[in-house]
Amino acid sequence: MHIAILTFPGFNELDSLIALHVLNRVGNRDWRITLCCPDESVASRNGVVVRAQSRIHEATTADVVLVGSGTMTRDIVKDPRIMSALHLDPSKQLIGSQCSGALVLAKLGLLAGVPACTDLTTKPWVQEAGVEVLDRPFFARGNVATAGGCLASQYLAAWVIARTEGMDAVRAALDYVAPVGERSEYVERAIRNITPYLPTSAPESP
């Protein structure tokens, strides 16, 4: 299974790298989790340069696509080279966005009639795109999820794990990264945030 984390120039390190790490805590050797970029390397908003582990065209065939945010998202959605390469299909893929990544989903038509979560800066832009913005950290409908606030990326990762591996795998992954002395509270809060949006057919962990 390929999980592509779309990571654009000006990306927010927390959005892309927290999801990358939490998802890798699952330790499933059949998973390929990549920072998926439009170029061979991209620099973050703070100048951190990462090399692409996959390229933008590969998102079309990925099983899961998470759209990270950054300072250049409004430029990204105006870039035909990038947007024309993103052929995402929620009937076949799990698709999620983090903060301003919701604007990318909106411009791709994936939030039609679906409310979204995003950050405060991006909120008016997403509303201008005709999408209702919720005052909460996470929301999902079907195979499309959105998270708002940098540290809500843990919820986006947890949703992917729950949908593909089950809730026991969520607990194990989050328990490892939780602050010492706060593990139970941390894990349970994340589970409370994603549980209302899980289908009853979500897989049970073995």
N, C-alpha and C. Protein backbone atom coordinates (compact mmCIF):
# COMPACT_ATOMS: atom_id res chain seq x y z
N MET A 1 0.84 -1.19 0.00
CA MET A 1 0.00 0.00 0.00
C MET A 1 0.88 1.24 0.00
N HIS A 2 0.58 2.17 -0.88
CA HIS A 2 1.34 3.41 -0.96
C HIS A 2 0.55 4.54 -0.30
N ILE A 3 1.16 5.20 0.67
CA ILE A 3 0.60 6.39 1.30
C ILE A 3 1.46 7.56 0.88
N ALA A 4 0.89 8.46 0.08
CA ALA A 4 1.61 9.61 -0.44
C ALA A 4 1.24 10.86 0.36
N ILE A 5 2.23 11.49 0.96
CA ILE A 5 2.01 12.73 1.71
C ILE A 5 2.47 13.88 0.81
N LEU A 6 1.52 14.57 0.20
CA LEU A 6 1.86 15.64 -0.73
C LEU A 6 2.54 16.78 0.03
N THR A 7 3.75 17.09 -0.41
CA THR A 7 4.60 18.05 0.29
C THR A 7 5.14 19.05 -0.72
N PHE A 8 4.66 20.28 -0.62
CA PHE A 8 4.94 21.31 -1.61
C PHE A 8 5.98 22.31 -1.11
N PRO A 9 6.54 23.13 -1.99
CA PRO A 9 7.43 24.20 -1.53
C PRO A 9 6.74 25.06 -0.48
N GLY A 10 7.51 25.45 0.56
CA GLY A 10 6.93 26.23 1.65
C GLY A 10 6.16 25.39 2.64
N PHE A 11 6.36 24.06 2.60
CA PHE A 11 5.55 23.17 3.43
C PHE A 11 5.78 23.40 4.92
N ASN A 12 4.76 23.05 5.69
CA ASN A 12 4.83 23.09 7.15
C ASN A 12 5.41 21.76 7.63
N GLU A 13 6.53 21.82 8.32
CA GLU A 13 7.20 20.59 8.75
C GLU A 13 6.32 19.72 9.63
N LEU A 14 5.56 20.34 10.52
CA LEU A 14 4.71 19.56 11.42
C LEU A 14 3.67 18.76 10.65
N ASP A 15 3.09 19.38 9.65
CA ASP A 15 2.01 18.72 8.91
C ASP A 15 2.49 17.47 8.18
N SER A 16 3.60 17.57 7.49
CA SER A 16 4.08 16.44 6.71
C SER A 16 4.82 15.41 7.56
N LEU A 17 5.68 15.88 8.47
CA LEU A 17 6.58 14.96 9.14
C LEU A 17 5.95 14.24 10.33
N ILE A 18 4.99 14.88 11.01
CA ILE A 18 4.29 14.16 12.08
C ILE A 18 3.51 12.99 11.49
N ALA A 19 2.78 13.26 10.42
CA ALA A 19 2.03 12.18 9.76
C ALA A 19 2.96 11.08 9.28
N LEU A 20 4.08 11.47 8.68
CA LEU A 20 5.06 10.51 8.19
C LEU A 20 5.54 9.60 9.32
N HIS A 21 5.88 10.19 10.45
CA HIS A 21 6.42 9.40 11.56
C HIS A 21 5.36 8.50 12.20
N VAL A 22 4.18 9.07 12.49
CA VAL A 22 3.14 8.27 13.14
C VAL A 22 2.74 7.09 12.27
N LEU A 23 2.58 7.31 10.98
CA LEU A 23 2.22 6.23 10.07
C LEU A 23 3.31 5.16 10.03
N ASN A 24 4.55 5.56 10.07
CA ASN A 24 5.64 4.58 10.07
C ASN A 24 5.73 3.79 11.36
N ARG A 25 5.12 4.28 12.44
CA ARG A 25 5.12 3.53 13.69
C ARG A 25 4.33 2.23 13.56
N VAL A 26 3.47 2.14 12.58
CA VAL A 26 2.69 0.91 12.39
C VAL A 26 3.62 -0.26 12.05
N GLY A 27 4.67 0.02 11.31
CA GLY A 27 5.65 -1.01 11.02
C GLY A 27 5.20 -2.07 10.04
N ASN A 28 4.23 -1.74 9.21
CA ASN A 28 3.75 -2.70 8.21
C ASN A 28 4.70 -2.68 7.02
N ARG A 29 5.34 -3.82 6.76
CA ARG A 29 6.33 -3.87 5.69
C ARG A 29 5.70 -3.76 4.30
N ASP A 30 4.39 -3.93 4.23
CA ASP A 30 3.70 -3.79 2.95
C ASP A 30 3.34 -2.34 2.66
N TRP A 31 3.61 -1.47 3.61
CA TRP A 31 3.32 -0.05 3.41
C TRP A 31 4.53 0.66 2.83
N ARG A 32 4.27 1.57 1.89
CA ARG A 32 5.27 2.49 1.39
C ARG A 32 4.75 3.89 1.67
N ILE A 33 5.41 4.59 2.56
CA ILE A 33 4.96 5.91 2.99
C ILE A 33 5.97 6.93 2.49
N THR A 34 5.53 7.87 1.67
CA THR A 34 6.47 8.77 1.02
C THR A 34 6.07 10.23 1.15
N LEU A 35 7.09 11.09 1.19
CA LEU A 35 6.88 12.51 0.96
C LEU A 35 6.82 12.68 -0.55
N CYS A 36 5.67 13.08 -1.03
CA CYS A 36 5.39 13.11 -2.48
C CYS A 36 5.44 14.57 -2.94
N CYS A 37 6.41 14.89 -3.80
CA CYS A 37 6.71 16.29 -4.11
C CYS A 37 6.65 16.55 -5.62
N PRO A 38 6.45 17.80 -5.99
CA PRO A 38 6.43 18.15 -7.41
C PRO A 38 7.82 18.21 -8.04
N ASP A 39 8.86 18.31 -7.21
CA ASP A 39 10.23 18.40 -7.70
C ASP A 39 11.11 17.43 -6.90
N GLU A 40 12.37 17.33 -7.30
CA GLU A 40 13.27 16.38 -6.65
C GLU A 40 13.50 16.72 -5.18
N SER A 41 13.40 17.96 -4.83
CA SER A 41 13.52 18.39 -3.45
C SER A 41 12.66 19.63 -3.25
N VAL A 42 12.22 19.84 -2.01
CA VAL A 42 11.44 21.03 -1.68
C VAL A 42 11.93 21.59 -0.35
N ALA A 43 11.81 22.89 -0.19
CA ALA A 43 12.21 23.56 1.05
C ALA A 43 10.97 23.96 1.83
N SER A 44 11.03 23.76 3.13
CA SER A 44 9.91 24.11 3.99
C SER A 44 9.84 25.61 4.21
N ARG A 45 8.82 26.03 4.94
CA ARG A 45 8.67 27.45 5.26
C ARG A 45 9.84 27.97 6.08
N ASN A 46 10.53 27.06 6.76
CA ASN A 46 11.67 27.45 7.59
C ASN A 46 13.01 27.06 6.99
N GLY A 47 13.00 26.68 5.70
CA GLY A 47 14.24 26.39 5.01
C GLY A 47 14.76 24.98 5.15
N VAL A 48 13.95 24.07 5.71
CA VAL A 48 14.35 22.67 5.80
C VAL A 48 14.11 22.01 4.45
N VAL A 49 15.16 21.46 3.86
CA VAL A 49 15.06 20.87 2.53
C VAL A 49 14.92 19.35 2.66
N VAL A 50 13.93 18.80 1.99
CA VAL A 50 13.74 17.35 1.97
C VAL A 50 13.76 16.87 0.52
N ARG A 51 14.25 15.65 0.33
CA ARG A 51 14.25 15.03 -0.99
C ARG A 51 12.93 14.29 -1.19
N ALA A 52 12.39 14.39 -2.38
CA ALA A 52 11.15 13.69 -2.71
C ALA A 52 11.39 12.19 -2.65
N GLN A 53 10.47 11.48 -2.00
CA GLN A 53 10.50 10.02 -1.98
C GLN A 53 9.59 9.44 -3.06
N SER A 54 8.71 10.26 -3.56
CA SER A 54 7.89 9.93 -4.73
C SER A 54 7.54 11.24 -5.39
N ARG A 55 7.08 11.18 -6.63
CA ARG A 55 6.77 12.39 -7.37
C ARG A 55 5.26 12.54 -7.52
N ILE A 56 4.83 13.76 -7.82
CA ILE A 56 3.43 14.14 -7.73
C ILE A 56 2.51 13.26 -8.57
N HIS A 57 2.98 12.80 -9.72
CA HIS A 57 2.13 11.98 -10.58
C HIS A 57 1.79 10.64 -9.94
N GLU A 58 2.60 10.21 -8.97
CA GLU A 58 2.35 8.93 -8.32
C GLU A 58 1.16 8.97 -7.36
N ALA A 59 0.71 10.19 -7.02
CA ALA A 59 -0.45 10.30 -6.13
C ALA A 59 -1.70 9.70 -6.77
N THR A 60 -1.77 9.72 -8.07
CA THR A 60 -2.94 9.19 -8.77
C THR A 60 -3.17 7.72 -8.47
N THR A 61 -2.09 6.97 -8.30
CA THR A 61 -2.22 5.53 -8.07
C THR A 61 -2.00 5.14 -6.62
N ALA A 62 -1.74 6.12 -5.74
CA ALA A 62 -1.54 5.81 -4.32
C ALA A 62 -2.85 5.35 -3.69
N ASP A 63 -2.74 4.52 -2.68
CA ASP A 63 -3.93 4.05 -1.97
C ASP A 63 -4.45 5.11 -1.01
N VAL A 64 -3.54 5.88 -0.46
CA VAL A 64 -3.88 6.96 0.47
C VAL A 64 -3.11 8.20 0.05
N VAL A 65 -3.79 9.35 0.03
CA VAL A 65 -3.14 10.62 -0.29
C VAL A 65 -3.46 11.61 0.81
N LEU A 66 -2.43 12.14 1.45
CA LEU A 66 -2.60 13.19 2.45
C LEU A 66 -1.96 14.46 1.90
N VAL A 67 -2.73 15.53 1.89
CA VAL A 67 -2.26 16.80 1.33
C VAL A 67 -1.78 17.70 2.46
N GLY A 68 -0.49 17.93 2.51
CA GLY A 68 0.06 18.79 3.54
C GLY A 68 -0.18 20.26 3.23
N SER A 69 0.15 21.11 4.19
CA SER A 69 -0.08 22.55 4.00
C SER A 69 1.24 23.29 3.94
N GLY A 70 1.14 24.60 3.75
CA GLY A 70 2.34 25.42 3.71
C GLY A 70 2.01 26.84 3.33
N THR A 71 3.04 27.64 3.23
CA THR A 71 2.85 29.07 2.98
C THR A 71 2.54 29.39 1.52
N MET A 72 2.71 28.42 0.63
CA MET A 72 2.53 28.69 -0.80
C MET A 72 1.31 28.00 -1.40
N THR A 73 0.38 27.57 -0.55
CA THR A 73 -0.75 26.79 -1.05
C THR A 73 -1.58 27.56 -2.07
N ARG A 74 -1.79 28.86 -1.86
CA ARG A 74 -2.57 29.63 -2.83
C ARG A 74 -1.87 29.70 -4.18
N ASP A 75 -0.55 29.65 -4.18
CA ASP A 75 0.18 29.57 -5.45
C ASP A 75 0.10 28.18 -6.05
N ILE A 76 0.13 27.18 -5.19
CA ILE A 76 0.06 25.79 -5.65
C ILE A 76 -1.23 25.54 -6.42
N VAL A 77 -2.37 26.02 -5.89
CA VAL A 77 -3.65 25.73 -6.54
C VAL A 77 -3.82 26.50 -7.85
N LYS A 78 -2.92 27.44 -8.12
CA LYS A 78 -2.95 28.17 -9.40
C LYS A 78 -1.94 27.61 -10.39
N ASP A 79 -1.21 26.59 -9.98
CA ASP A 79 -0.15 26.02 -10.81
C ASP A 79 -0.70 24.84 -11.61
N PRO A 80 -0.92 25.00 -12.91
CA PRO A 80 -1.51 23.92 -13.71
C PRO A 80 -0.63 22.68 -13.77
N ARG A 81 0.68 22.85 -13.65
CA ARG A 81 1.58 21.70 -13.68
C ARG A 81 1.28 20.75 -12.53
N ILE A 82 0.99 21.31 -11.37
CA ILE A 82 0.71 20.50 -10.19
C ILE A 82 -0.73 20.03 -10.18
N MET A 83 -1.66 20.95 -10.35
CA MET A 83 -3.07 20.59 -10.21
C MET A 83 -3.53 19.61 -11.29
N SER A 84 -3.01 19.75 -12.49
CA SER A 84 -3.42 18.84 -13.56
C SER A 84 -2.88 17.43 -13.35
N ALA A 85 -1.87 17.29 -12.49
CA ALA A 85 -1.30 15.97 -12.22
C ALA A 85 -2.05 15.23 -11.11
N LEU A 86 -2.91 15.96 -10.41
CA LEU A 86 -3.60 15.37 -9.25
C LEU A 86 -4.97 14.84 -9.65
N HIS A 87 -5.02 13.60 -10.05
CA HIS A 87 -6.27 12.94 -10.39
C HIS A 87 -6.64 12.01 -9.22
N LEU A 88 -7.29 12.58 -8.22
CA LEU A 88 -7.61 11.82 -7.02
C LEU A 88 -9.05 11.33 -7.07
N ASP A 89 -9.29 10.14 -6.53
CA ASP A 89 -10.59 9.50 -6.63
C ASP A 89 -10.99 8.91 -5.29
N PRO A 90 -11.90 9.57 -4.55
CA PRO A 90 -12.28 9.07 -3.22
C PRO A 90 -13.05 7.75 -3.26
N SER A 91 -13.47 7.31 -4.43
CA SER A 91 -14.11 5.99 -4.49
C SER A 91 -13.06 4.87 -4.45
N LYS A 92 -11.81 5.24 -4.71
CA LYS A 92 -10.74 4.25 -4.73
C LYS A 92 -9.61 4.55 -3.75
N GLN A 93 -9.57 5.77 -3.24
CA GLN A 93 -8.47 6.20 -2.38
C GLN A 93 -9.01 6.80 -1.09
N LEU A 94 -8.22 6.68 -0.01
CA LEU A 94 -8.45 7.48 1.18
C LEU A 94 -7.71 8.80 0.94
N ILE A 95 -8.41 9.91 1.13
CA ILE A 95 -7.84 11.22 0.83
C ILE A 95 -8.02 12.13 2.05
N GLY A 96 -6.95 12.75 2.47
CA GLY A 96 -7.04 13.66 3.61
C GLY A 96 -6.23 14.91 3.37
N SER A 97 -6.59 15.97 4.08
CA SER A 97 -5.82 17.21 3.98
C SER A 97 -5.53 17.75 5.36
N GLN A 98 -4.43 18.47 5.44
CA GLN A 98 -4.00 19.11 6.67
C GLN A 98 -3.98 20.62 6.46
N CYS A 99 -4.70 21.37 7.28
CA CYS A 99 -4.72 22.84 7.24
C CYS A 99 -4.99 23.36 5.82
N SER A 100 -4.05 24.07 5.22
CA SER A 100 -4.33 24.67 3.92
C SER A 100 -4.43 23.63 2.80
N GLY A 101 -4.10 22.39 3.09
CA GLY A 101 -4.34 21.33 2.12
C GLY A 101 -5.80 21.22 1.75
N ALA A 102 -6.69 21.70 2.64
CA ALA A 102 -8.13 21.70 2.33
C ALA A 102 -8.43 22.55 1.11
N LEU A 103 -7.64 23.60 0.89
CA LEU A 103 -7.85 24.44 -0.28
C LEU A 103 -7.55 23.66 -1.56
N VAL A 104 -6.54 22.80 -1.51
CA VAL A 104 -6.23 21.95 -2.66
C VAL A 104 -7.40 21.01 -2.95
N LEU A 105 -7.94 20.38 -1.90
CA LEU A 105 -9.08 19.48 -2.10
C LEU A 105 -10.29 20.24 -2.64
N ALA A 106 -10.49 21.45 -2.12
CA ALA A 106 -11.63 22.25 -2.59
C ALA A 106 -11.49 22.57 -4.07
N LYS A 107 -10.29 22.96 -4.50
CA LYS A 107 -10.07 23.32 -5.90
C LYS A 107 -10.15 22.10 -6.81
N LEU A 108 -9.92 20.91 -6.25
CA LEU A 108 -10.05 19.68 -7.03
C LEU A 108 -11.49 19.17 -7.06
N GLY A 109 -12.39 19.88 -6.36
CA GLY A 109 -13.80 19.49 -6.34
C GLY A 109 -14.11 18.35 -5.40
N LEU A 110 -13.21 18.06 -4.47
CA LEU A 110 -13.39 16.91 -3.58
C LEU A 110 -14.15 17.26 -2.31
N LEU A 111 -14.45 18.55 -2.12
CA LEU A 111 -15.19 18.96 -0.92
C LEU A 111 -16.57 19.53 -1.28
N ALA A 112 -17.07 19.19 -2.43
CA ALA A 112 -18.40 19.65 -2.84
C ALA A 112 -19.45 19.10 -1.88
N GLY A 113 -20.10 20.00 -1.17
CA GLY A 113 -21.13 19.58 -0.22
C GLY A 113 -20.59 18.96 1.05
N VAL A 114 -19.28 19.02 1.24
CA VAL A 114 -18.66 18.41 2.42
C VAL A 114 -17.98 19.51 3.25
N PRO A 115 -18.33 19.68 4.52
CA PRO A 115 -17.64 20.66 5.35
C PRO A 115 -16.21 20.23 5.62
N ALA A 116 -15.37 21.18 6.00
CA ALA A 116 -13.96 20.88 6.16
C ALA A 116 -13.37 21.56 7.37
N CYS A 117 -12.24 21.02 7.82
CA CYS A 117 -11.44 21.64 8.87
C CYS A 117 -10.19 22.21 8.23
N THR A 118 -9.76 23.35 8.73
CA THR A 118 -8.53 23.96 8.23
C THR A 118 -8.00 24.90 9.30
N ASP A 119 -6.93 25.61 9.01
CA ASP A 119 -6.37 26.56 9.96
C ASP A 119 -7.04 27.92 9.80
N LEU A 120 -6.80 28.80 10.76
CA LEU A 120 -7.48 30.09 10.76
C LEU A 120 -7.08 30.96 9.58
N THR A 121 -5.82 30.89 9.16
CA THR A 121 -5.38 31.70 8.02
C THR A 121 -6.06 31.27 6.74
N THR A 122 -6.19 29.96 6.55
CA THR A 122 -6.76 29.42 5.32
C THR A 122 -8.28 29.48 5.30
N LYS A 123 -8.90 29.59 6.45
CA LYS A 123 -10.36 29.53 6.55
C LYS A 123 -11.08 30.40 5.53
N PRO A 124 -10.77 31.70 5.40
CA PRO A 124 -11.52 32.51 4.44
C PRO A 124 -11.32 32.07 2.99
N TRP A 125 -10.14 31.53 2.66
CA TRP A 125 -9.90 31.09 1.29
C TRP A 125 -10.72 29.85 0.96
N VAL A 126 -10.85 28.96 1.94
CA VAL A 126 -11.65 27.76 1.73
C VAL A 126 -13.13 28.13 1.64
N GLN A 127 -13.54 29.09 2.46
CA GLN A 127 -14.93 29.55 2.39
C GLN A 127 -15.22 30.20 1.04
N GLU A 128 -14.26 30.96 0.53
CA GLU A 128 -14.43 31.57 -0.79
C GLU A 128 -14.58 30.52 -1.88
N ALA A 129 -14.03 29.34 -1.64
CA ALA A 129 -14.15 28.24 -2.59
C ALA A 129 -15.48 27.51 -2.45
N GLY A 130 -16.34 28.02 -1.54
CA GLY A 130 -17.68 27.45 -1.40
C GLY A 130 -17.80 26.32 -0.41
N VAL A 131 -16.82 26.19 0.48
CA VAL A 131 -16.81 25.09 1.44
C VAL A 131 -17.08 25.62 2.85
N GLU A 132 -17.97 24.96 3.57
CA GLU A 132 -18.21 25.31 4.97
C GLU A 132 -17.03 24.87 5.82
N VAL A 133 -16.53 25.75 6.68
CA VAL A 133 -15.40 25.43 7.54
C VAL A 133 -15.89 25.21 8.96
N LEU A 134 -15.48 24.10 9.55
CA LEU A 134 -15.90 23.73 10.89
C LEU A 134 -14.89 24.18 11.93
N ASP A 135 -15.37 24.47 13.12
CA ASP A 135 -14.51 24.86 14.23
C ASP A 135 -14.17 23.62 15.04
N ARG A 136 -13.41 22.74 14.45
CA ARG A 136 -13.00 21.51 15.11
C ARG A 136 -11.71 21.01 14.46
N PRO A 137 -11.01 20.09 15.13
CA PRO A 137 -9.71 19.67 14.60
C PRO A 137 -9.78 18.62 13.50
N PHE A 138 -10.89 17.88 13.42
CA PHE A 138 -10.94 16.78 12.46
C PHE A 138 -12.37 16.51 12.04
N PHE A 139 -12.52 16.18 10.75
CA PHE A 139 -13.83 15.78 10.23
C PHE A 139 -13.59 14.89 9.03
N ALA A 140 -14.43 13.89 8.88
CA ALA A 140 -14.34 13.03 7.70
C ALA A 140 -15.75 12.65 7.25
N ARG A 141 -15.87 12.49 5.96
CA ARG A 141 -17.09 11.95 5.39
C ARG A 141 -16.68 10.94 4.32
N GLY A 142 -17.05 9.71 4.54
CA GLY A 142 -16.64 8.67 3.62
C GLY A 142 -15.13 8.54 3.61
N ASN A 143 -14.55 8.62 2.43
CA ASN A 143 -13.11 8.45 2.28
C ASN A 143 -12.33 9.76 2.21
N VAL A 144 -12.98 10.87 2.59
CA VAL A 144 -12.32 12.17 2.56
C VAL A 144 -12.29 12.77 3.97
N ALA A 145 -11.11 13.14 4.41
CA ALA A 145 -10.95 13.69 5.76
C ALA A 145 -10.16 14.99 5.70
N THR A 146 -10.44 15.88 6.66
CA THR A 146 -9.68 17.13 6.77
C THR A 146 -9.34 17.36 8.23
N ALA A 147 -8.18 17.97 8.45
CA ALA A 147 -7.74 18.28 9.81
C ALA A 147 -7.30 19.74 9.86
N GLY A 148 -7.55 20.39 10.98
CA GLY A 148 -7.19 21.79 11.13
C GLY A 148 -6.31 22.01 12.34
N GLY A 149 -5.22 22.75 12.16
CA GLY A 149 -4.24 22.97 13.21
C GLY A 149 -3.08 21.99 13.04
N CYS A 150 -1.86 22.49 13.12
CA CYS A 150 -0.69 21.67 12.81
C CYS A 150 -0.67 20.34 13.58
N LEU A 151 -0.94 20.41 14.87
CA LEU A 151 -0.85 19.20 15.68
C LEU A 151 -2.04 18.26 15.50
N ALA A 152 -3.02 18.67 14.69
CA ALA A 152 -4.12 17.76 14.35
C ALA A 152 -3.67 16.72 13.32
N SER A 153 -2.45 16.84 12.83
CA SER A 153 -1.94 15.84 11.88
C SER A 153 -1.90 14.45 12.50
N GLN A 154 -1.80 14.38 13.82
CA GLN A 154 -1.86 13.08 14.49
C GLN A 154 -3.22 12.43 14.27
N TYR A 155 -4.29 13.22 14.23
CA TYR A 155 -5.62 12.67 14.01
C TYR A 155 -5.78 12.16 12.58
N LEU A 156 -5.20 12.89 11.64
CA LEU A 156 -5.26 12.46 10.25
C LEU A 156 -4.54 11.13 10.07
N ALA A 157 -3.36 11.01 10.67
CA ALA A 157 -2.62 9.75 10.61
C ALA A 157 -3.39 8.64 11.31
N ALA A 158 -3.98 8.95 12.46
CA ALA A 158 -4.73 7.94 13.20
C ALA A 158 -5.94 7.45 12.40
N TRP A 159 -6.59 8.35 11.70
CA TRP A 159 -7.74 7.97 10.85
C TRP A 159 -7.31 7.00 9.77
N VAL A 160 -6.17 7.27 9.14
CA VAL A 160 -5.68 6.36 8.10
C VAL A 160 -5.38 4.98 8.70
N ILE A 161 -4.72 4.97 9.84
CA ILE A 161 -4.39 3.70 10.48
C ILE A 161 -5.65 2.94 10.86
N ALA A 162 -6.64 3.65 11.43
CA ALA A 162 -7.89 3.00 11.82
C ALA A 162 -8.61 2.41 10.62
N ARG A 163 -8.62 3.14 9.51
CA ARG A 163 -9.32 2.68 8.32
C ARG A 163 -8.63 1.46 7.67
N THR A 164 -7.35 1.33 7.87
CA THR A 164 -6.60 0.29 7.17
C THR A 164 -6.12 -0.85 8.06
N GLU A 165 -5.82 -0.55 9.32
CA GLU A 165 -5.23 -1.56 10.21
C GLU A 165 -6.07 -1.84 11.46
N GLY A 166 -6.95 -0.93 11.82
CA GLY A 166 -7.78 -1.15 12.99
C GLY A 166 -7.35 -0.32 14.19
N MET A 167 -8.21 -0.28 15.19
CA MET A 167 -8.01 0.61 16.33
C MET A 167 -6.86 0.17 17.24
N ASP A 168 -6.59 -1.13 17.32
CA ASP A 168 -5.45 -1.55 18.14
C ASP A 168 -4.15 -0.98 17.58
N ALA A 169 -4.05 -0.92 16.26
CA ALA A 169 -2.85 -0.35 15.63
C ALA A 169 -2.76 1.14 15.90
N VAL A 170 -3.91 1.83 15.96
CA VAL A 170 -3.92 3.25 16.31
C VAL A 170 -3.36 3.44 17.71
N ARG A 171 -3.86 2.64 18.65
CA ARG A 171 -3.41 2.76 20.03
C ARG A 171 -1.90 2.53 20.15
N ALA A 172 -1.41 1.52 19.46
CA ALA A 172 0.01 1.19 19.55
C ALA A 172 0.88 2.31 18.97
N ALA A 173 0.48 2.87 17.82
CA ALA A 173 1.26 3.92 17.18
C ALA A 173 1.27 5.20 18.02
N LEU A 174 0.12 5.60 18.53
CA LEU A 174 0.04 6.84 19.30
C LEU A 174 0.64 6.69 20.68
N ASP A 175 0.54 5.51 21.26
CA ASP A 175 1.11 5.29 22.58
C ASP A 175 2.62 5.50 22.56
N TYR A 176 3.24 5.15 21.45
CA TYR A 176 4.69 5.29 21.35
C TYR A 176 5.12 6.75 21.31
N VAL A 177 4.34 7.59 20.63
CA VAL A 177 4.74 9.00 20.45
C VAL A 177 4.16 9.92 21.52
N ALA A 178 3.27 9.42 22.35
CA ALA A 178 2.61 10.27 23.35
C ALA A 178 3.60 10.75 24.41
N PRO A 179 3.35 11.93 24.97
CA PRO A 179 4.21 12.42 26.05
C PRO A 179 4.19 11.47 27.24
N VAL A 180 5.33 11.27 27.84
CA VAL A 180 5.43 10.40 29.00
C VAL A 180 4.55 10.95 30.13
N GLY A 181 3.80 10.07 30.74
CA GLY A 181 2.91 10.46 31.83
C GLY A 181 1.54 10.91 31.35
N GLU A 182 1.37 11.02 30.01
CA GLU A 182 0.09 11.46 29.45
C GLU A 182 -0.43 10.50 28.40
N ARG A 183 0.14 9.30 28.34
CA ARG A 183 -0.17 8.39 27.25
C ARG A 183 -1.66 8.09 27.15
N SER A 184 -2.26 7.70 28.25
CA SER A 184 -3.67 7.31 28.20
C SER A 184 -4.55 8.46 27.74
N GLU A 185 -4.34 9.64 28.33
CA GLU A 185 -5.13 10.81 27.97
C GLU A 185 -4.92 11.19 26.51
N TYR A 186 -3.69 11.15 26.06
CA TYR A 186 -3.33 11.53 24.69
C TYR A 186 -3.97 10.59 23.67
N VAL A 187 -3.83 9.29 23.91
CA VAL A 187 -4.36 8.30 22.97
C VAL A 187 -5.87 8.34 22.93
N GLU A 188 -6.50 8.43 24.09
CA GLU A 188 -7.96 8.42 24.13
C GLU A 188 -8.55 9.67 23.48
N ARG A 189 -7.89 10.80 23.62
CA ARG A 189 -8.39 12.02 22.97
C ARG A 189 -8.36 11.86 21.46
N ALA A 190 -7.29 11.30 20.95
CA ALA A 190 -7.21 11.09 19.51
C ALA A 190 -8.30 10.14 19.03
N ILE A 191 -8.51 9.09 19.77
CA ILE A 191 -9.53 8.11 19.39
C ILE A 191 -10.93 8.72 19.43
N ARG A 192 -11.18 9.57 20.42
CA ARG A 192 -12.48 10.25 20.49
C ARG A 192 -12.70 11.14 19.27
N ASN A 193 -11.64 11.74 18.78
CA ASN A 193 -11.77 12.66 17.64
C ASN A 193 -12.04 11.94 16.33
N ILE A 194 -11.54 10.73 16.17
CA ILE A 194 -11.71 10.04 14.88
C ILE A 194 -12.84 9.04 14.86
N THR A 195 -13.22 8.51 16.02
CA THR A 195 -14.21 7.42 16.06
C THR A 195 -15.55 7.76 15.40
N PRO A 196 -16.10 8.98 15.58
CA PRO A 196 -17.39 9.26 14.95
C PRO A 196 -17.37 9.19 13.43
N TYR A 197 -16.18 9.21 12.85
CA TYR A 197 -16.07 9.26 11.38
C TYR A 197 -15.55 7.96 10.78
N LEU A 198 -15.56 6.90 11.58
CA LEU A 198 -15.12 5.60 11.07
C LEU A 198 -16.33 4.76 10.64
N PRO A 199 -16.26 4.13 9.50
CA PRO A 199 -17.37 3.25 9.08
C PRO A 199 -17.44 2.05 10.02
N THR A 200 -18.64 1.52 10.15
CA THR A 200 -18.80 0.35 11.01
C THR A 200 -18.04 -0.85 10.49
N SER A 201 -17.64 -0.79 9.23
CA SER A 201 -16.90 -1.89 8.63
C SER A 201 -15.39 -1.70 8.72
N ALA A 202 -14.94 -0.70 9.51
CA ALA A 202 -13.51 -0.49 9.65
C ALA A 202 -12.87 -1.76 10.15
N PRO A 203 -11.66 -2.10 9.67
CA PRO A 203 -11.06 -3.39 10.02
C PRO A 203 -10.72 -3.49 11.49
N GLU A 204 -10.86 -4.69 12.01
CA GLU A 204 -10.43 -4.98 13.36
C GLU A 204 -8.98 -5.43 13.31
N SER A 205 -8.20 -5.01 14.30
CA SER A 205 -6.82 -5.46 14.32
C SER A 205 -6.78 -6.95 14.66
N PRO A 206 -5.84 -7.71 14.09
CA PRO A 206 -5.76 -9.14 14.38
C PRO A 206 -5.34 -9.38 15.81
